Amino acid sequence: MRRDVEALRHATALLERSPRRFLFADAEGDYGLALLADGRRDAGVVALDRAWDRFNALGATSDAERI
């Protein structure tokens, strides 16, 4: 699982510089869920909160609700 979490962290970092804001928010949500599954609750909650904020800022409320 650690490799998956690291791969998602790396992907999220790359997408942060991308103009594809929705994809970035989605990756942040996946990263948060992976952190939770890996037992890193605090970091997972922070990542999920950021994903929720990003989805809402994009007007993607249905995606924010699934977070």
N, C-alpha and C. Protein backbone atom coordinates (compact mmCIF):
# COMPACT_ATOMS: atom_id res chain seq x y z
N MET A 1 0.82 -1.19 0.00
CA MET A 1 0.00 0.00 0.00
C MET A 1 0.87 1.26 0.00
N ARG A 2 2.00 1.22 0.65
CA ARG A 2 2.85 2.41 0.72
C ARG A 2 3.24 2.91 -0.67
N ARG A 3 3.51 1.97 -1.60
CA ARG A 3 3.87 2.38 -2.96
C ARG A 3 2.70 3.08 -3.64
N ASP A 4 1.49 2.58 -3.40
CA ASP A 4 0.31 3.23 -3.98
C ASP A 4 0.15 4.63 -3.43
N VAL A 5 0.32 4.79 -2.14
CA VAL A 5 0.19 6.10 -1.52
C VAL A 5 1.26 7.04 -2.07
N GLU A 6 2.46 6.55 -2.21
CA GLU A 6 3.54 7.38 -2.74
C GLU A 6 3.27 7.76 -4.19
N ALA A 7 2.75 6.83 -4.98
CA ALA A 7 2.43 7.12 -6.38
C ALA A 7 1.33 8.18 -6.46
N LEU A 8 0.33 8.08 -5.60
CA LEU A 8 -0.74 9.08 -5.58
C LEU A 8 -0.23 10.44 -5.10
N ARG A 9 0.68 10.43 -4.14
CA ARG A 9 1.26 11.69 -3.68
C ARG A 9 2.01 12.37 -4.83
N HIS A 10 2.77 11.57 -5.57
CA HIS A 10 3.53 12.09 -6.70
C HIS A 10 2.59 12.62 -7.79
N ALA A 11 1.56 11.86 -8.11
CA ALA A 11 0.60 12.28 -9.13
C ALA A 11 -0.10 13.58 -8.71
N THR A 12 -0.46 13.67 -7.44
CA THR A 12 -1.12 14.88 -6.94
C THR A 12 -0.19 16.08 -7.05
N ALA A 13 1.07 15.88 -6.72
CA ALA A 13 2.04 16.97 -6.82
C ALA A 13 2.19 17.44 -8.26
N LEU A 14 2.21 16.51 -9.21
CA LEU A 14 2.31 16.88 -10.62
C LEU A 14 1.05 17.62 -11.09
N LEU A 15 -0.11 17.12 -10.69
CA LEU A 15 -1.36 17.74 -11.11
C LEU A 15 -1.59 19.11 -10.49
N GLU A 16 -0.94 19.37 -9.37
CA GLU A 16 -1.09 20.68 -8.73
C GLU A 16 -0.63 21.80 -9.67
N ARG A 17 0.32 21.49 -10.53
CA ARG A 17 0.85 22.49 -11.48
C ARG A 17 0.11 22.46 -12.82
N SER A 18 -0.88 21.60 -12.92
CA SER A 18 -1.61 21.43 -14.18
C SER A 18 -2.82 22.36 -14.24
N PRO A 19 -3.23 22.75 -15.44
CA PRO A 19 -4.46 23.54 -15.57
C PRO A 19 -5.72 22.69 -15.41
N ARG A 20 -5.58 21.39 -15.27
CA ARG A 20 -6.73 20.49 -15.15
C ARG A 20 -7.15 20.39 -13.69
N ARG A 21 -7.88 21.38 -13.24
CA ARG A 21 -8.23 21.53 -11.82
C ARG A 21 -9.13 20.41 -11.31
N PHE A 22 -10.06 19.95 -12.15
CA PHE A 22 -10.93 18.87 -11.72
C PHE A 22 -10.14 17.59 -11.49
N LEU A 23 -9.24 17.28 -12.40
CA LEU A 23 -8.40 16.09 -12.26
C LEU A 23 -7.54 16.17 -11.00
N PHE A 24 -7.06 17.37 -10.71
CA PHE A 24 -6.27 17.58 -9.49
C PHE A 24 -7.12 17.29 -8.25
N ALA A 25 -8.33 17.82 -8.21
CA ALA A 25 -9.22 17.59 -7.06
C ALA A 25 -9.52 16.10 -6.90
N ASP A 26 -9.75 15.43 -8.02
CA ASP A 26 -10.04 14.00 -7.97
C ASP A 26 -8.84 13.20 -7.44
N ALA A 27 -7.65 13.56 -7.90
CA ALA A 27 -6.44 12.88 -7.43
C ALA A 27 -6.22 13.14 -5.94
N GLU A 28 -6.51 14.35 -5.50
CA GLU A 28 -6.37 14.69 -4.07
C GLU A 28 -7.32 13.83 -3.23
N GLY A 29 -8.53 13.61 -3.73
CA GLY A 29 -9.48 12.74 -3.04
C GLY A 29 -8.98 11.31 -2.98
N ASP A 30 -8.47 10.80 -4.09
CA ASP A 30 -7.91 9.43 -4.11
C ASP A 30 -6.74 9.31 -3.14
N TYR A 31 -5.91 10.33 -3.12
CA TYR A 31 -4.77 10.34 -2.21
C TYR A 31 -5.24 10.30 -0.75
N GLY A 32 -6.23 11.10 -0.43
CA GLY A 32 -6.77 11.11 0.93
C GLY A 32 -7.33 9.76 1.33
N LEU A 33 -8.06 9.12 0.43
CA LEU A 33 -8.61 7.78 0.73
C LEU A 33 -7.50 6.76 0.92
N ALA A 34 -6.46 6.85 0.11
CA ALA A 34 -5.32 5.93 0.25
C ALA A 34 -4.61 6.14 1.58
N LEU A 35 -4.47 7.39 1.99
CA LEU A 35 -3.85 7.66 3.28
C LEU A 35 -4.68 7.06 4.42
N LEU A 36 -5.99 7.21 4.34
CA LEU A 36 -6.86 6.62 5.37
C LEU A 36 -6.71 5.10 5.40
N ALA A 37 -6.69 4.48 4.23
CA ALA A 37 -6.54 3.02 4.16
C ALA A 37 -5.19 2.56 4.69
N ASP A 38 -4.20 3.44 4.62
CA ASP A 38 -2.86 3.13 5.11
C ASP A 38 -2.70 3.45 6.60
N GLY A 39 -3.80 3.90 7.22
CA GLY A 39 -3.76 4.18 8.65
C GLY A 39 -3.29 5.57 9.01
N ARG A 40 -3.15 6.44 8.03
CA ARG A 40 -2.68 7.81 8.30
C ARG A 40 -3.88 8.76 8.28
N ARG A 41 -4.66 8.67 9.35
CA ARG A 41 -5.94 9.37 9.43
C ARG A 41 -5.81 10.88 9.31
N ASP A 42 -4.94 11.48 10.09
CA ASP A 42 -4.83 12.95 10.07
C ASP A 42 -4.48 13.48 8.68
N ALA A 43 -3.48 12.88 8.05
CA ALA A 43 -3.08 13.32 6.71
C ALA A 43 -4.18 13.04 5.69
N GLY A 44 -4.88 11.92 5.85
CA GLY A 44 -5.97 11.59 4.95
C GLY A 44 -7.11 12.57 5.03
N VAL A 45 -7.46 12.96 6.24
CA VAL A 45 -8.54 13.93 6.43
C VAL A 45 -8.16 15.28 5.82
N VAL A 46 -6.91 15.69 5.99
CA VAL A 46 -6.45 16.96 5.41
C VAL A 46 -6.57 16.91 3.88
N ALA A 47 -6.12 15.82 3.27
CA ALA A 47 -6.19 15.70 1.82
C ALA A 47 -7.65 15.68 1.34
N LEU A 48 -8.52 14.97 2.06
CA LEU A 48 -9.93 14.93 1.68
C LEU A 48 -10.59 16.30 1.83
N ASP A 49 -10.22 17.03 2.87
CA ASP A 49 -10.74 18.39 3.04
C ASP A 49 -10.32 19.29 1.88
N ARG A 50 -9.07 19.15 1.47
CA ARG A 50 -8.59 19.95 0.33
C ARG A 50 -9.34 19.58 -0.95
N ALA A 51 -9.56 18.29 -1.16
CA ALA A 51 -10.30 17.84 -2.35
C ALA A 51 -11.72 18.40 -2.32
N TRP A 52 -12.37 18.34 -1.17
CA TRP A 52 -13.73 18.86 -1.02
C TRP A 52 -13.76 20.35 -1.37
N ASP A 53 -12.80 21.10 -0.82
CA ASP A 53 -12.73 22.54 -1.11
C ASP A 53 -12.53 22.80 -2.60
N ARG A 54 -11.65 22.01 -3.24
CA ARG A 54 -11.37 22.20 -4.66
C ARG A 54 -12.61 21.90 -5.51
N PHE A 55 -13.28 20.80 -5.22
CA PHE A 55 -14.50 20.46 -5.96
C PHE A 55 -15.55 21.57 -5.82
N ASN A 56 -15.73 22.05 -4.60
CA ASN A 56 -16.71 23.12 -4.40
C ASN A 56 -16.32 24.39 -5.14
N ALA A 57 -15.05 24.72 -5.16
CA ALA A 57 -14.60 25.91 -5.86
C ALA A 57 -14.85 25.79 -7.38
N LEU A 58 -14.85 24.55 -7.88
CA LEU A 58 -15.11 24.31 -9.29
C LEU A 58 -16.60 24.20 -9.60
N GLY A 59 -17.42 24.24 -8.56
CA GLY A 59 -18.86 24.07 -8.75
C GLY A 59 -19.28 22.62 -8.94
N ALA A 60 -18.38 21.71 -8.63
CA ALA A 60 -18.66 20.26 -8.78
C ALA A 60 -19.20 19.72 -7.47
N THR A 61 -20.42 20.14 -7.14
CA THR A 61 -20.97 19.79 -5.83
C THR A 61 -21.26 18.31 -5.67
N SER A 62 -21.65 17.64 -6.75
CA SER A 62 -21.91 16.19 -6.62
C SER A 62 -20.61 15.44 -6.33
N ASP A 63 -19.50 15.90 -6.90
CA ASP A 63 -18.21 15.28 -6.59
C ASP A 63 -17.77 15.62 -5.17
N ALA A 64 -18.05 16.82 -4.73
CA ALA A 64 -17.72 17.19 -3.35
C ALA A 64 -18.51 16.33 -2.36
N GLU A 65 -19.75 16.03 -2.70
CA GLU A 65 -20.59 15.22 -1.81
C GLU A 65 -20.04 13.81 -1.64
N ARG A 66 -19.43 13.26 -2.67
CA ARG A 66 -18.88 11.89 -2.53
C ARG A 66 -17.62 11.87 -1.68
N ILE A 67 -17.00 13.02 -1.50
CA ILE A 67 -15.84 13.12 -0.62
C ILE A 67 -16.34 13.14 0.80
